[in-house]
Every structure is written in structure tokens, then in C-alpha cells.
Amino acid sequence: MEKATATARSAQGDKRARILDAAIKVFAGRGFHSATVAEIAKSAGVADGTIYLYFKGKEDLLLRLFDEKMTELLAEAKGELAKERNAPDRLARFIQLHLALVERNPDLASVLIVELRQSAQFHKSADRAKLTAYVDLIAEVVRDGQEKGELSDGISPAVVKRAIFGALDELALGWLLSGRRTSLKKTAAEVAGWFVRGLAAR
């Protein structure tokens, strides 16, 4: 009985994961407003009504997708930053990691960067806390670097985090809208160098 229950739960989890993956593909290809639940269901290989067993609707699907993917990105970023020896290296690593994630999964990046901007519900939602926590990683690195004398103490961590994330967001958006013709890996190395040199302790 327990084995059968575990199998059923596994099947439900697999179906939910398929729906989320299909939503990423459909939202990225069609745009959030043009996409339909029927298209997502077809891409996931499930009946239209199955979507509503897991999500309230298209908007809820987008928000839950954001929440789960940001949880993964936040954990990955924290793990990668913990491997670096000092603040300048952690700052460079964050920049490189962020743009590498965009280049590695452009459909997901398109949904998180482009489509979420069109969701009125997202702008009102408490789910933005995950994004805030992700961006705050930059401020934490800067603050730690200042305390250890590795980064200039004449800068505001709050301003730096907005400046860096804003630059990365614009670079990623430009890359997505321009047809992904350039190498974000090369761009990340250049941008990381500029910011690290500009923020270094004198």
C-alpha cells in the first residue's frame, strides 16, 4: 500500500514538473499573454483540466514557476559563492554565474526576465521576496568585502546591488531580444572585471 502511494506521489510530481517545463517553453515561445492553458497542456501531454489540479490558472502557473526556479537559482548561487576565497572573487563569480544561467537556459531566462514584467499579479505578490533575496547576495558580498578591507568602504552595498543587477538584467534582456548572437560568457568576464576593479579597496 505504501509503495503504491509513493508511486502515485512520484507520478503526480512528474506530471507537475512536465507542466512547469511545458509552461516555460510555451511562455517563452508565445509570450505570456498569447499563451493558453490548452497549449501548455498539449505540450505537457496532459488534459487541459489537469493543469487546474495543480495550479489555479495561467497567472498562478507563472508565479509558481518563478517561485520554484528562483529557489533553485538562489541555492545554486549561494553554493557557488561559498567556494570563492574573497569578496572580489565572489562578486565576479555572481556576475559570471548569472549570465551563464541565462545563456544555459534562454527559455527560462525569457520567462523570468521578459514575461514576468507583464504580470500585474507578480508586482503585487509577496513572491518577489525570492528575487530580493537573490539580489541581496550582491549586497552581502560587498558588505563582507568592506569589513575585511577587500572592497572600498566608500560605497553603499544597497546602491551597488541595484547597479550590478540592473546592468546584468539589461545585458540579459538585450541578449534575448537580439537573437542571442553574442557570447554571454565573454560579456560576463568583461563586466566582472569592470565592477571588481571599480569597487576594489584603494
N, C-alpha and C. Protein backbone atom coordinates (compact mmCIF):
# COMPACT_ATOMS: atom_id res chain seq x y z
N MET A 1 0.83 -1.21 0.00
CA MET A 1 0.00 0.00 0.00
C MET A 1 0.87 1.26 0.00
N GLU A 2 1.90 1.26 0.90
CA GLU A 2 2.81 2.41 0.98
C GLU A 2 3.56 2.61 -0.33
N LYS A 3 3.97 1.49 -0.96
CA LYS A 3 4.69 1.55 -2.24
C LYS A 3 3.81 2.16 -3.31
N ALA A 4 2.53 1.75 -3.33
CA ALA A 4 1.59 2.27 -4.33
C ALA A 4 1.37 3.77 -4.12
N THR A 5 1.29 4.18 -2.86
CA THR A 5 1.10 5.60 -2.55
C THR A 5 2.31 6.42 -2.99
N ALA A 6 3.51 5.88 -2.73
CA ALA A 6 4.74 6.57 -3.13
C ALA A 6 4.82 6.69 -4.64
N THR A 7 4.39 5.62 -5.34
CA THR A 7 4.40 5.65 -6.81
C THR A 7 3.45 6.71 -7.34
N ALA A 8 2.27 6.79 -6.71
CA ALA A 8 1.28 7.79 -7.13
C ALA A 8 1.81 9.20 -6.92
N ARG A 9 2.47 9.42 -5.78
CA ARG A 9 3.04 10.74 -5.50
C ARG A 9 4.13 11.09 -6.51
N SER A 10 4.94 10.07 -6.85
CA SER A 10 6.00 10.29 -7.82
C SER A 10 5.42 10.66 -9.18
N ALA A 11 4.33 9.99 -9.56
CA ALA A 11 3.67 10.27 -10.84
C ALA A 11 3.10 11.67 -10.86
N GLN A 12 2.51 12.08 -9.71
CA GLN A 12 1.96 13.43 -9.61
C GLN A 12 3.06 14.48 -9.72
N GLY A 13 4.20 14.20 -9.04
CA GLY A 13 5.32 15.13 -9.10
C GLY A 13 5.88 15.25 -10.50
N ASP A 14 5.94 14.10 -11.20
CA ASP A 14 6.44 14.10 -12.57
C ASP A 14 5.51 14.88 -13.49
N LYS A 15 4.21 14.72 -13.29
CA LYS A 15 3.23 15.43 -14.12
C LYS A 15 3.31 16.94 -13.88
N ARG A 16 3.44 17.32 -12.62
CA ARG A 16 3.55 18.74 -12.28
C ARG A 16 4.83 19.34 -12.89
N ALA A 17 5.93 18.58 -12.83
CA ALA A 17 7.19 19.05 -13.40
C ALA A 17 7.07 19.20 -14.91
N ARG A 18 6.35 18.27 -15.56
CA ARG A 18 6.13 18.36 -17.01
C ARG A 18 5.33 19.59 -17.36
N ILE A 19 4.36 19.91 -16.54
CA ILE A 19 3.54 21.11 -16.79
C ILE A 19 4.39 22.36 -16.66
N LEU A 20 5.24 22.43 -15.65
CA LEU A 20 6.11 23.59 -15.46
C LEU A 20 7.09 23.73 -16.63
N ASP A 21 7.68 22.63 -17.05
CA ASP A 21 8.62 22.66 -18.19
C ASP A 21 7.89 23.10 -19.47
N ALA A 22 6.67 22.60 -19.65
CA ALA A 22 5.89 22.98 -20.83
C ALA A 22 5.53 24.46 -20.78
N ALA A 23 5.21 24.96 -19.59
CA ALA A 23 4.86 26.37 -19.44
C ALA A 23 6.04 27.26 -19.82
N ILE A 24 7.24 26.87 -19.42
CA ILE A 24 8.44 27.64 -19.78
C ILE A 24 8.56 27.72 -21.30
N LYS A 25 8.41 26.58 -21.95
CA LYS A 25 8.54 26.52 -23.41
C LYS A 25 7.47 27.36 -24.10
N VAL A 26 6.22 27.24 -23.66
CA VAL A 26 5.11 27.95 -24.30
C VAL A 26 5.17 29.45 -24.00
N PHE A 27 5.42 29.81 -22.75
CA PHE A 27 5.51 31.24 -22.40
C PHE A 27 6.65 31.91 -23.17
N ALA A 28 7.79 31.21 -23.29
CA ALA A 28 8.93 31.79 -23.99
C ALA A 28 8.66 31.92 -25.49
N GLY A 29 7.97 30.93 -26.04
CA GLY A 29 7.73 30.94 -27.48
C GLY A 29 6.56 31.81 -27.92
N ARG A 30 5.50 31.84 -27.11
CA ARG A 30 4.28 32.55 -27.50
C ARG A 30 4.08 33.87 -26.77
N GLY A 31 4.77 34.02 -25.62
CA GLY A 31 4.53 35.18 -24.78
C GLY A 31 3.43 34.83 -23.79
N PHE A 32 3.52 35.38 -22.58
CA PHE A 32 2.57 35.02 -21.53
C PHE A 32 1.13 35.33 -21.92
N HIS A 33 0.87 36.52 -22.43
CA HIS A 33 -0.50 36.91 -22.73
C HIS A 33 -1.10 36.14 -23.90
N SER A 34 -0.28 35.75 -24.85
CA SER A 34 -0.79 35.00 -26.01
C SER A 34 -0.92 33.51 -25.72
N ALA A 35 -0.16 33.01 -24.76
CA ALA A 35 -0.19 31.58 -24.45
C ALA A 35 -1.53 31.19 -23.82
N THR A 36 -1.93 29.96 -24.05
CA THR A 36 -3.18 29.46 -23.45
C THR A 36 -2.89 28.22 -22.61
N VAL A 37 -3.79 27.95 -21.69
CA VAL A 37 -3.67 26.76 -20.86
C VAL A 37 -3.72 25.51 -21.74
N ALA A 38 -4.54 25.54 -22.79
CA ALA A 38 -4.65 24.39 -23.69
C ALA A 38 -3.31 24.09 -24.36
N GLU A 39 -2.58 25.14 -24.76
CA GLU A 39 -1.27 24.93 -25.39
C GLU A 39 -0.27 24.34 -24.41
N ILE A 40 -0.32 24.79 -23.17
CA ILE A 40 0.58 24.26 -22.15
C ILE A 40 0.25 22.80 -21.88
N ALA A 41 -1.03 22.50 -21.77
CA ALA A 41 -1.46 21.12 -21.52
C ALA A 41 -1.02 20.20 -22.66
N LYS A 42 -1.19 20.66 -23.90
CA LYS A 42 -0.79 19.85 -25.06
C LYS A 42 0.70 19.60 -25.05
N SER A 43 1.49 20.64 -24.75
CA SER A 43 2.95 20.50 -24.71
C SER A 43 3.39 19.55 -23.60
N ALA A 44 2.63 19.56 -22.48
CA ALA A 44 2.97 18.69 -21.35
C ALA A 44 2.43 17.27 -21.51
N GLY A 45 1.56 17.08 -22.50
CA GLY A 45 0.97 15.77 -22.72
C GLY A 45 -0.08 15.40 -21.70
N VAL A 46 -0.83 16.42 -21.22
CA VAL A 46 -1.90 16.17 -20.24
C VAL A 46 -3.19 16.82 -20.74
N ALA A 47 -4.31 16.46 -20.11
CA ALA A 47 -5.60 17.08 -20.44
C ALA A 47 -5.63 18.50 -19.89
N ASP A 48 -6.41 19.36 -20.54
CA ASP A 48 -6.50 20.76 -20.09
C ASP A 48 -6.85 20.86 -18.61
N GLY A 49 -7.80 20.04 -18.18
CA GLY A 49 -8.27 20.10 -16.79
C GLY A 49 -7.21 19.71 -15.78
N THR A 50 -6.22 18.94 -16.22
CA THR A 50 -5.16 18.51 -15.31
C THR A 50 -4.36 19.69 -14.77
N ILE A 51 -4.22 20.72 -15.60
CA ILE A 51 -3.49 21.92 -15.18
C ILE A 51 -4.10 22.48 -13.89
N TYR A 52 -5.43 22.46 -13.84
CA TYR A 52 -6.14 23.07 -12.71
C TYR A 52 -6.11 22.21 -11.45
N LEU A 53 -5.60 21.00 -11.56
CA LEU A 53 -5.40 20.17 -10.37
C LEU A 53 -4.18 20.65 -9.58
N TYR A 54 -3.27 21.34 -10.29
CA TYR A 54 -2.03 21.78 -9.68
C TYR A 54 -1.92 23.31 -9.55
N PHE A 55 -2.61 24.02 -10.44
CA PHE A 55 -2.50 25.48 -10.47
C PHE A 55 -3.88 26.11 -10.66
N LYS A 56 -4.05 27.31 -10.13
CA LYS A 56 -5.34 28.00 -10.22
C LYS A 56 -5.63 28.49 -11.64
N GLY A 57 -4.57 28.71 -12.40
CA GLY A 57 -4.73 29.22 -13.75
C GLY A 57 -3.38 29.62 -14.31
N LYS A 58 -3.39 30.30 -15.43
CA LYS A 58 -2.15 30.67 -16.11
C LYS A 58 -1.28 31.59 -15.26
N GLU A 59 -1.90 32.56 -14.61
CA GLU A 59 -1.15 33.51 -13.78
C GLU A 59 -0.50 32.80 -12.59
N ASP A 60 -1.25 31.93 -11.96
CA ASP A 60 -0.72 31.18 -10.82
C ASP A 60 0.42 30.27 -11.27
N LEU A 61 0.29 29.70 -12.45
CA LEU A 61 1.34 28.85 -13.01
C LEU A 61 2.63 29.64 -13.20
N LEU A 62 2.51 30.86 -13.70
CA LEU A 62 3.68 31.71 -13.90
C LEU A 62 4.34 32.04 -12.56
N LEU A 63 3.54 32.38 -11.56
CA LEU A 63 4.08 32.74 -10.24
C LEU A 63 4.74 31.56 -9.55
N ARG A 64 4.11 30.39 -9.65
CA ARG A 64 4.70 29.20 -9.02
C ARG A 64 5.98 28.79 -9.74
N LEU A 65 5.99 28.95 -11.05
CA LEU A 65 7.19 28.66 -11.83
C LEU A 65 8.34 29.56 -11.36
N PHE A 66 8.03 30.85 -11.22
CA PHE A 66 9.04 31.79 -10.75
C PHE A 66 9.54 31.40 -9.36
N ASP A 67 8.62 31.09 -8.46
CA ASP A 67 9.00 30.76 -7.09
C ASP A 67 9.93 29.56 -7.04
N GLU A 68 9.60 28.51 -7.76
CA GLU A 68 10.40 27.29 -7.71
C GLU A 68 11.76 27.46 -8.39
N LYS A 69 11.78 28.14 -9.52
CA LYS A 69 13.05 28.33 -10.21
C LYS A 69 13.96 29.29 -9.45
N MET A 70 13.39 30.33 -8.82
CA MET A 70 14.20 31.25 -8.04
C MET A 70 14.77 30.57 -6.80
N THR A 71 14.02 29.64 -6.23
CA THR A 71 14.52 28.86 -5.09
C THR A 71 15.76 28.07 -5.52
N GLU A 72 15.69 27.47 -6.70
CA GLU A 72 16.83 26.71 -7.22
C GLU A 72 18.02 27.62 -7.52
N LEU A 73 17.76 28.76 -8.16
CA LEU A 73 18.83 29.69 -8.51
C LEU A 73 19.50 30.26 -7.27
N LEU A 74 18.71 30.55 -6.26
CA LEU A 74 19.23 31.11 -5.01
C LEU A 74 20.15 30.10 -4.33
N ALA A 75 19.72 28.84 -4.28
CA ALA A 75 20.54 27.80 -3.66
C ALA A 75 21.84 27.58 -4.44
N GLU A 76 21.74 27.59 -5.77
CA GLU A 76 22.93 27.39 -6.60
C GLU A 76 23.91 28.54 -6.42
N ALA A 77 23.39 29.77 -6.40
CA ALA A 77 24.26 30.95 -6.24
C ALA A 77 24.97 30.93 -4.90
N LYS A 78 24.25 30.61 -3.83
CA LYS A 78 24.86 30.56 -2.50
C LYS A 78 25.96 29.50 -2.46
N GLY A 79 25.70 28.36 -3.06
CA GLY A 79 26.69 27.29 -3.09
C GLY A 79 27.94 27.67 -3.84
N GLU A 80 27.77 28.32 -4.99
CA GLU A 80 28.92 28.72 -5.80
C GLU A 80 29.73 29.84 -5.13
N LEU A 81 29.05 30.81 -4.52
CA LEU A 81 29.76 31.91 -3.87
C LEU A 81 30.57 31.42 -2.67
N ALA A 82 30.07 30.40 -2.00
CA ALA A 82 30.76 29.86 -0.82
C ALA A 82 32.10 29.22 -1.19
N LYS A 83 32.29 28.89 -2.45
CA LYS A 83 33.54 28.26 -2.88
C LYS A 83 34.67 29.27 -3.10
N GLU A 84 34.32 30.55 -3.21
CA GLU A 84 35.33 31.58 -3.53
C GLU A 84 36.03 32.09 -2.27
N ARG A 85 37.28 32.53 -2.43
CA ARG A 85 38.12 32.87 -1.28
C ARG A 85 37.88 34.26 -0.72
N ASN A 86 37.48 35.20 -1.57
CA ASN A 86 37.35 36.59 -1.10
C ASN A 86 36.20 37.29 -1.82
N ALA A 87 35.91 38.50 -1.37
CA ALA A 87 34.77 39.25 -1.92
C ALA A 87 34.91 39.58 -3.40
N PRO A 88 36.08 40.05 -3.86
CA PRO A 88 36.20 40.32 -5.31
C PRO A 88 35.91 39.08 -6.15
N ASP A 89 36.42 37.93 -5.70
CA ASP A 89 36.18 36.69 -6.46
C ASP A 89 34.71 36.28 -6.40
N ARG A 90 34.07 36.50 -5.24
CA ARG A 90 32.64 36.15 -5.12
C ARG A 90 31.79 37.07 -5.99
N LEU A 91 32.17 38.34 -6.03
CA LEU A 91 31.43 39.30 -6.86
C LEU A 91 31.54 38.92 -8.34
N ALA A 92 32.75 38.60 -8.77
CA ALA A 92 32.96 38.19 -10.16
C ALA A 92 32.20 36.89 -10.46
N ARG A 93 32.21 36.00 -9.48
CA ARG A 93 31.52 34.72 -9.68
C ARG A 93 30.03 34.90 -9.82
N PHE A 94 29.44 35.80 -9.03
CA PHE A 94 28.00 36.06 -9.13
C PHE A 94 27.64 36.56 -10.53
N ILE A 95 28.41 37.50 -11.02
CA ILE A 95 28.15 38.07 -12.34
C ILE A 95 28.26 37.00 -13.42
N GLN A 96 29.32 36.20 -13.35
CA GLN A 96 29.52 35.14 -14.34
C GLN A 96 28.43 34.08 -14.25
N LEU A 97 28.05 33.72 -13.02
CA LEU A 97 27.03 32.70 -12.82
C LEU A 97 25.68 33.17 -13.37
N HIS A 98 25.32 34.41 -13.08
CA HIS A 98 24.02 34.93 -13.53
C HIS A 98 23.90 34.89 -15.05
N LEU A 99 24.90 35.39 -15.74
CA LEU A 99 24.83 35.41 -17.21
C LEU A 99 24.99 34.01 -17.80
N ALA A 100 25.72 33.14 -17.10
CA ALA A 100 25.84 31.75 -17.56
C ALA A 100 24.50 31.04 -17.47
N LEU A 101 23.73 31.34 -16.43
CA LEU A 101 22.41 30.74 -16.27
C LEU A 101 21.47 31.18 -17.39
N VAL A 102 21.59 32.44 -17.78
CA VAL A 102 20.78 32.97 -18.88
C VAL A 102 21.14 32.25 -20.18
N GLU A 103 22.43 32.14 -20.43
CA GLU A 103 22.89 31.51 -21.68
C GLU A 103 22.57 30.02 -21.71
N ARG A 104 22.60 29.39 -20.56
CA ARG A 104 22.36 27.95 -20.46
C ARG A 104 20.90 27.60 -20.68
N ASN A 105 20.00 28.48 -20.23
CA ASN A 105 18.57 28.20 -20.36
C ASN A 105 17.83 29.45 -20.81
N PRO A 106 17.95 29.80 -22.08
CA PRO A 106 17.34 31.04 -22.57
C PRO A 106 15.81 31.09 -22.47
N ASP A 107 15.15 29.93 -22.60
CA ASP A 107 13.68 29.93 -22.48
C ASP A 107 13.26 30.33 -21.06
N LEU A 108 13.92 29.74 -20.07
CA LEU A 108 13.61 30.10 -18.68
C LEU A 108 13.95 31.56 -18.43
N ALA A 109 15.10 32.00 -18.94
CA ALA A 109 15.50 33.40 -18.76
C ALA A 109 14.48 34.34 -19.39
N SER A 110 13.98 33.96 -20.54
CA SER A 110 12.98 34.79 -21.22
C SER A 110 11.72 34.94 -20.37
N VAL A 111 11.31 33.85 -19.74
CA VAL A 111 10.12 33.89 -18.88
C VAL A 111 10.37 34.75 -17.64
N LEU A 112 11.51 34.53 -16.99
CA LEU A 112 11.81 35.24 -15.75
C LEU A 112 12.11 36.72 -15.97
N ILE A 113 12.73 37.04 -17.10
CA ILE A 113 13.16 38.42 -17.35
C ILE A 113 12.13 39.22 -18.15
N VAL A 114 11.53 38.59 -19.16
CA VAL A 114 10.63 39.31 -20.06
C VAL A 114 9.16 39.16 -19.65
N GLU A 115 8.71 37.92 -19.51
CA GLU A 115 7.27 37.68 -19.32
C GLU A 115 6.77 38.11 -17.94
N LEU A 116 7.60 37.96 -16.91
CA LEU A 116 7.16 38.34 -15.57
C LEU A 116 6.90 39.84 -15.46
N ARG A 117 7.58 40.62 -16.29
CA ARG A 117 7.36 42.07 -16.27
C ARG A 117 5.92 42.43 -16.65
N GLN A 118 5.26 41.52 -17.35
CA GLN A 118 3.90 41.79 -17.83
C GLN A 118 2.84 41.27 -16.87
N SER A 119 3.27 40.70 -15.75
CA SER A 119 2.31 40.15 -14.79
C SER A 119 2.02 41.15 -13.69
N ALA A 120 0.81 41.69 -13.70
CA ALA A 120 0.42 42.64 -12.66
C ALA A 120 0.40 41.95 -11.30
N GLN A 121 0.04 40.68 -11.29
CA GLN A 121 -0.04 39.93 -10.04
C GLN A 121 1.34 39.78 -9.41
N PHE A 122 2.36 39.60 -10.25
CA PHE A 122 3.72 39.44 -9.73
C PHE A 122 4.18 40.71 -9.01
N HIS A 123 3.86 41.86 -9.56
CA HIS A 123 4.30 43.12 -8.96
C HIS A 123 3.63 43.37 -7.61
N LYS A 124 2.50 42.71 -7.36
CA LYS A 124 1.81 42.86 -6.07
C LYS A 124 2.16 41.72 -5.11
N SER A 125 2.82 40.71 -5.63
CA SER A 125 2.96 39.47 -4.89
C SER A 125 4.12 39.46 -3.91
N ALA A 126 3.91 38.74 -2.80
CA ALA A 126 4.97 38.54 -1.81
C ALA A 126 6.04 37.61 -2.35
N ASP A 127 5.75 36.94 -3.47
CA ASP A 127 6.71 36.01 -4.05
C ASP A 127 7.97 36.72 -4.52
N ARG A 128 7.92 38.03 -4.65
CA ARG A 128 9.11 38.78 -5.06
C ARG A 128 10.22 38.70 -4.01
N ALA A 129 9.90 38.19 -2.83
CA ALA A 129 10.90 38.06 -1.77
C ALA A 129 12.08 37.20 -2.22
N LYS A 130 11.81 36.20 -3.06
CA LYS A 130 12.89 35.34 -3.57
C LYS A 130 13.85 36.14 -4.45
N LEU A 131 13.29 37.01 -5.27
CA LEU A 131 14.13 37.85 -6.12
C LEU A 131 14.95 38.81 -5.27
N THR A 132 14.32 39.38 -4.24
CA THR A 132 15.01 40.29 -3.34
C THR A 132 16.17 39.57 -2.66
N ALA A 133 15.94 38.35 -2.20
CA ALA A 133 17.00 37.58 -1.54
C ALA A 133 18.15 37.29 -2.48
N TYR A 134 17.82 37.03 -3.75
CA TYR A 134 18.86 36.76 -4.76
C TYR A 134 19.72 38.00 -4.99
N VAL A 135 19.08 39.15 -5.17
CA VAL A 135 19.81 40.40 -5.40
C VAL A 135 20.60 40.80 -4.15
N ASP A 136 20.05 40.50 -2.99
CA ASP A 136 20.73 40.83 -1.73
C ASP A 136 22.05 40.10 -1.56
N LEU A 137 22.24 39.00 -2.30
CA LEU A 137 23.52 38.30 -2.23
C LEU A 137 24.66 39.23 -2.63
N ILE A 138 24.38 40.12 -3.59
CA ILE A 138 25.40 41.07 -4.02
C ILE A 138 25.77 42.01 -2.88
N ALA A 139 24.75 42.55 -2.20
CA ALA A 139 25.00 43.46 -1.08
C ALA A 139 25.76 42.76 0.04
N GLU A 140 25.45 41.49 0.29
CA GLU A 140 26.13 40.73 1.34
C GLU A 140 27.61 40.56 1.01
N VAL A 141 27.90 40.29 -0.26
CA VAL A 141 29.29 40.14 -0.69
C VAL A 141 30.05 41.47 -0.51
N VAL A 142 29.41 42.56 -0.91
CA VAL A 142 30.04 43.88 -0.80
C VAL A 142 30.28 44.24 0.66
N ARG A 143 29.28 44.02 1.49
CA ARG A 143 29.39 44.34 2.92
C ARG A 143 30.52 43.54 3.57
N ASP A 144 30.58 42.25 3.25
CA ASP A 144 31.63 41.40 3.80
C ASP A 144 33.01 41.85 3.32
N GLY A 145 33.07 42.23 2.04
CA GLY A 145 34.34 42.69 1.48
C GLY A 145 34.81 43.99 2.12
N GLN A 146 33.88 44.86 2.46
CA GLN A 146 34.23 46.10 3.13
C GLN A 146 34.76 45.84 4.54
N GLU A 147 34.10 44.93 5.25
CA GLU A 147 34.53 44.61 6.61
C GLU A 147 35.93 44.01 6.63
N LYS A 148 36.30 43.30 5.58
CA LYS A 148 37.61 42.66 5.51
C LYS A 148 38.65 43.51 4.79
N GLY A 149 38.24 44.71 4.35
CA GLY A 149 39.17 45.59 3.66
C GLY A 149 39.48 45.20 2.23
N GLU A 150 38.63 44.35 1.66
CA GLU A 150 38.85 43.88 0.28
C GLU A 150 38.16 44.77 -0.75
N LEU A 151 37.13 45.48 -0.32
CA LEU A 151 36.39 46.39 -1.21
C LEU A 151 36.31 47.76 -0.57
N SER A 152 36.18 48.77 -1.40
CA SER A 152 36.13 50.15 -0.92
C SER A 152 34.98 50.36 0.06
N ASP A 153 35.27 51.07 1.16
CA ASP A 153 34.21 51.33 2.14
C ASP A 153 33.45 52.61 1.84
N GLY A 154 33.78 53.26 0.73
CA GLY A 154 33.10 54.50 0.36
C GLY A 154 31.93 54.29 -0.57
N ILE A 155 31.38 53.08 -0.59
CA ILE A 155 30.26 52.76 -1.47
C ILE A 155 29.12 52.15 -0.65
N SER A 156 27.91 52.28 -1.14
CA SER A 156 26.74 51.73 -0.47
C SER A 156 26.41 50.35 -1.04
N PRO A 157 26.40 49.30 -0.22
CA PRO A 157 26.03 47.97 -0.71
C PRO A 157 24.66 47.95 -1.39
N ALA A 158 23.72 48.75 -0.88
CA ALA A 158 22.38 48.79 -1.46
C ALA A 158 22.40 49.38 -2.86
N VAL A 159 23.24 50.41 -3.07
CA VAL A 159 23.35 51.02 -4.39
C VAL A 159 24.07 50.07 -5.35
N VAL A 160 25.13 49.45 -4.85
CA VAL A 160 25.92 48.54 -5.69
C VAL A 160 25.07 47.37 -6.17
N LYS A 161 24.26 46.80 -5.28
CA LYS A 161 23.47 45.63 -5.69
C LYS A 161 22.48 46.01 -6.80
N ARG A 162 21.90 47.21 -6.71
CA ARG A 162 20.96 47.64 -7.75
C ARG A 162 21.69 47.94 -9.06
N ALA A 163 22.86 48.54 -8.95
CA ALA A 163 23.64 48.88 -10.15
C ALA A 163 24.08 47.61 -10.89
N ILE A 164 24.59 46.65 -10.13
CA ILE A 164 25.08 45.42 -10.75
C ILE A 164 23.92 44.59 -11.32
N PHE A 165 22.88 44.40 -10.51
CA PHE A 165 21.76 43.58 -11.00
C PHE A 165 21.06 44.27 -12.17
N GLY A 166 20.95 45.59 -12.10
CA GLY A 166 20.34 46.33 -13.21
C GLY A 166 21.12 46.16 -14.49
N ALA A 167 22.44 46.21 -14.38
CA ALA A 167 23.30 46.02 -15.56
C ALA A 167 23.16 44.61 -16.11
N LEU A 168 23.15 43.61 -15.23
CA LEU A 168 23.03 42.22 -15.67
C LEU A 168 21.67 41.96 -16.31
N ASP A 169 20.63 42.55 -15.72
CA ASP A 169 19.28 42.38 -16.26
C ASP A 169 19.18 42.98 -17.66
N GLU A 170 19.76 44.15 -17.84
CA GLU A 170 19.73 44.81 -19.15
C GLU A 170 20.54 44.03 -20.19
N LEU A 171 21.71 43.53 -19.79
CA LEU A 171 22.53 42.73 -20.69
C LEU A 171 21.81 41.45 -21.11
N ALA A 172 21.17 40.79 -20.15
CA ALA A 172 20.45 39.55 -20.45
C ALA A 172 19.25 39.84 -21.36
N LEU A 173 18.53 40.90 -21.06
CA LEU A 173 17.37 41.27 -21.87
C LEU A 173 17.80 41.60 -23.30
N GLY A 174 18.86 42.38 -23.44
CA GLY A 174 19.38 42.72 -24.77
C GLY A 174 19.80 41.49 -25.55
N TRP A 175 20.43 40.56 -24.86
CA TRP A 175 20.88 39.32 -25.50
C TRP A 175 19.69 38.49 -25.98
N LEU A 176 18.66 38.40 -25.15
CA LEU A 176 17.48 37.63 -25.53
C LEU A 176 16.75 38.25 -26.72
N LEU A 177 16.61 39.58 -26.70
CA LEU A 177 15.86 40.27 -27.75
C LEU A 177 16.63 40.41 -29.06
N SER A 178 17.95 40.29 -28.97
CA SER A 178 18.77 40.47 -30.19
C SER A 178 19.02 39.16 -30.93
N GLY A 179 18.44 38.08 -30.44
CA GLY A 179 18.61 36.81 -31.13
C GLY A 179 19.78 36.00 -30.62
N ARG A 180 20.33 36.37 -29.47
CA ARG A 180 21.38 35.57 -28.80
C ARG A 180 22.61 35.40 -29.68
N ARG A 181 23.03 36.49 -30.30
CA ARG A 181 24.13 36.38 -31.25
C ARG A 181 25.51 36.48 -30.61
N THR A 182 25.61 37.03 -29.42
CA THR A 182 26.91 37.22 -28.79
C THR A 182 27.15 36.17 -27.71
N SER A 183 28.37 36.14 -27.19
CA SER A 183 28.73 35.21 -26.12
C SER A 183 28.56 35.89 -24.77
N LEU A 184 27.62 35.42 -23.98
CA LEU A 184 27.43 36.00 -22.65
C LEU A 184 28.59 35.64 -21.73
N LYS A 185 29.27 34.55 -22.00
CA LYS A 185 30.43 34.17 -21.18
C LYS A 185 31.52 35.22 -21.29
N LYS A 186 31.77 35.68 -22.52
CA LYS A 186 32.77 36.72 -22.74
C LYS A 186 32.31 38.03 -22.10
N THR A 187 31.05 38.35 -22.28
CA THR A 187 30.48 39.56 -21.69
C THR A 187 30.61 39.54 -20.17
N ALA A 188 30.32 38.39 -19.57
CA ALA A 188 30.39 38.25 -18.11
C ALA A 188 31.79 38.52 -17.59
N ALA A 189 32.80 38.01 -18.30
CA ALA A 189 34.19 38.22 -17.87
C ALA A 189 34.55 39.70 -17.92
N GLU A 190 34.12 40.39 -18.97
CA GLU A 190 34.41 41.81 -19.11
C GLU A 190 33.72 42.63 -18.01
N VAL A 191 32.43 42.37 -17.81
CA VAL A 191 31.65 43.12 -16.83
C VAL A 191 32.17 42.86 -15.42
N ALA A 192 32.49 41.61 -15.12
CA ALA A 192 33.03 41.27 -13.80
C ALA A 192 34.32 42.05 -13.55
N GLY A 193 35.16 42.14 -14.57
CA GLY A 193 36.42 42.87 -14.43
C GLY A 193 36.18 44.35 -14.14
N TRP A 194 35.24 44.96 -14.83
CA TRP A 194 34.94 46.39 -14.62
C TRP A 194 34.47 46.64 -13.20
N PHE A 195 33.51 45.85 -12.77
CA PHE A 195 32.94 46.09 -11.43
C PHE A 195 33.95 45.81 -10.32
N VAL A 196 34.68 44.72 -10.43
CA VAL A 196 35.65 44.38 -9.40
C VAL A 196 36.74 45.45 -9.29
N ARG A 197 37.23 45.91 -10.42
CA ARG A 197 38.26 46.95 -10.38
C ARG A 197 37.70 48.26 -9.80
N GLY A 198 36.46 48.58 -10.17
CA GLY A 198 35.85 49.82 -9.68
C GLY A 198 35.55 49.81 -8.19
N LEU A 199 35.31 48.61 -7.65
CA LEU A 199 34.93 48.50 -6.24
C LEU A 199 36.10 48.12 -5.34
N ALA A 200 37.26 47.86 -5.92
CA ALA A 200 38.41 47.42 -5.12
C ALA A 200 38.83 48.48 -4.11
N ALA A 201 39.30 48.01 -2.96
CA ALA A 201 39.79 48.92 -1.92
C ALA A 201 41.03 49.65 -2.42
N ARG A 202 41.09 50.93 -2.16
CA ARG A 202 42.26 51.71 -2.57
C ARG A 202 43.36 51.63 -1.52
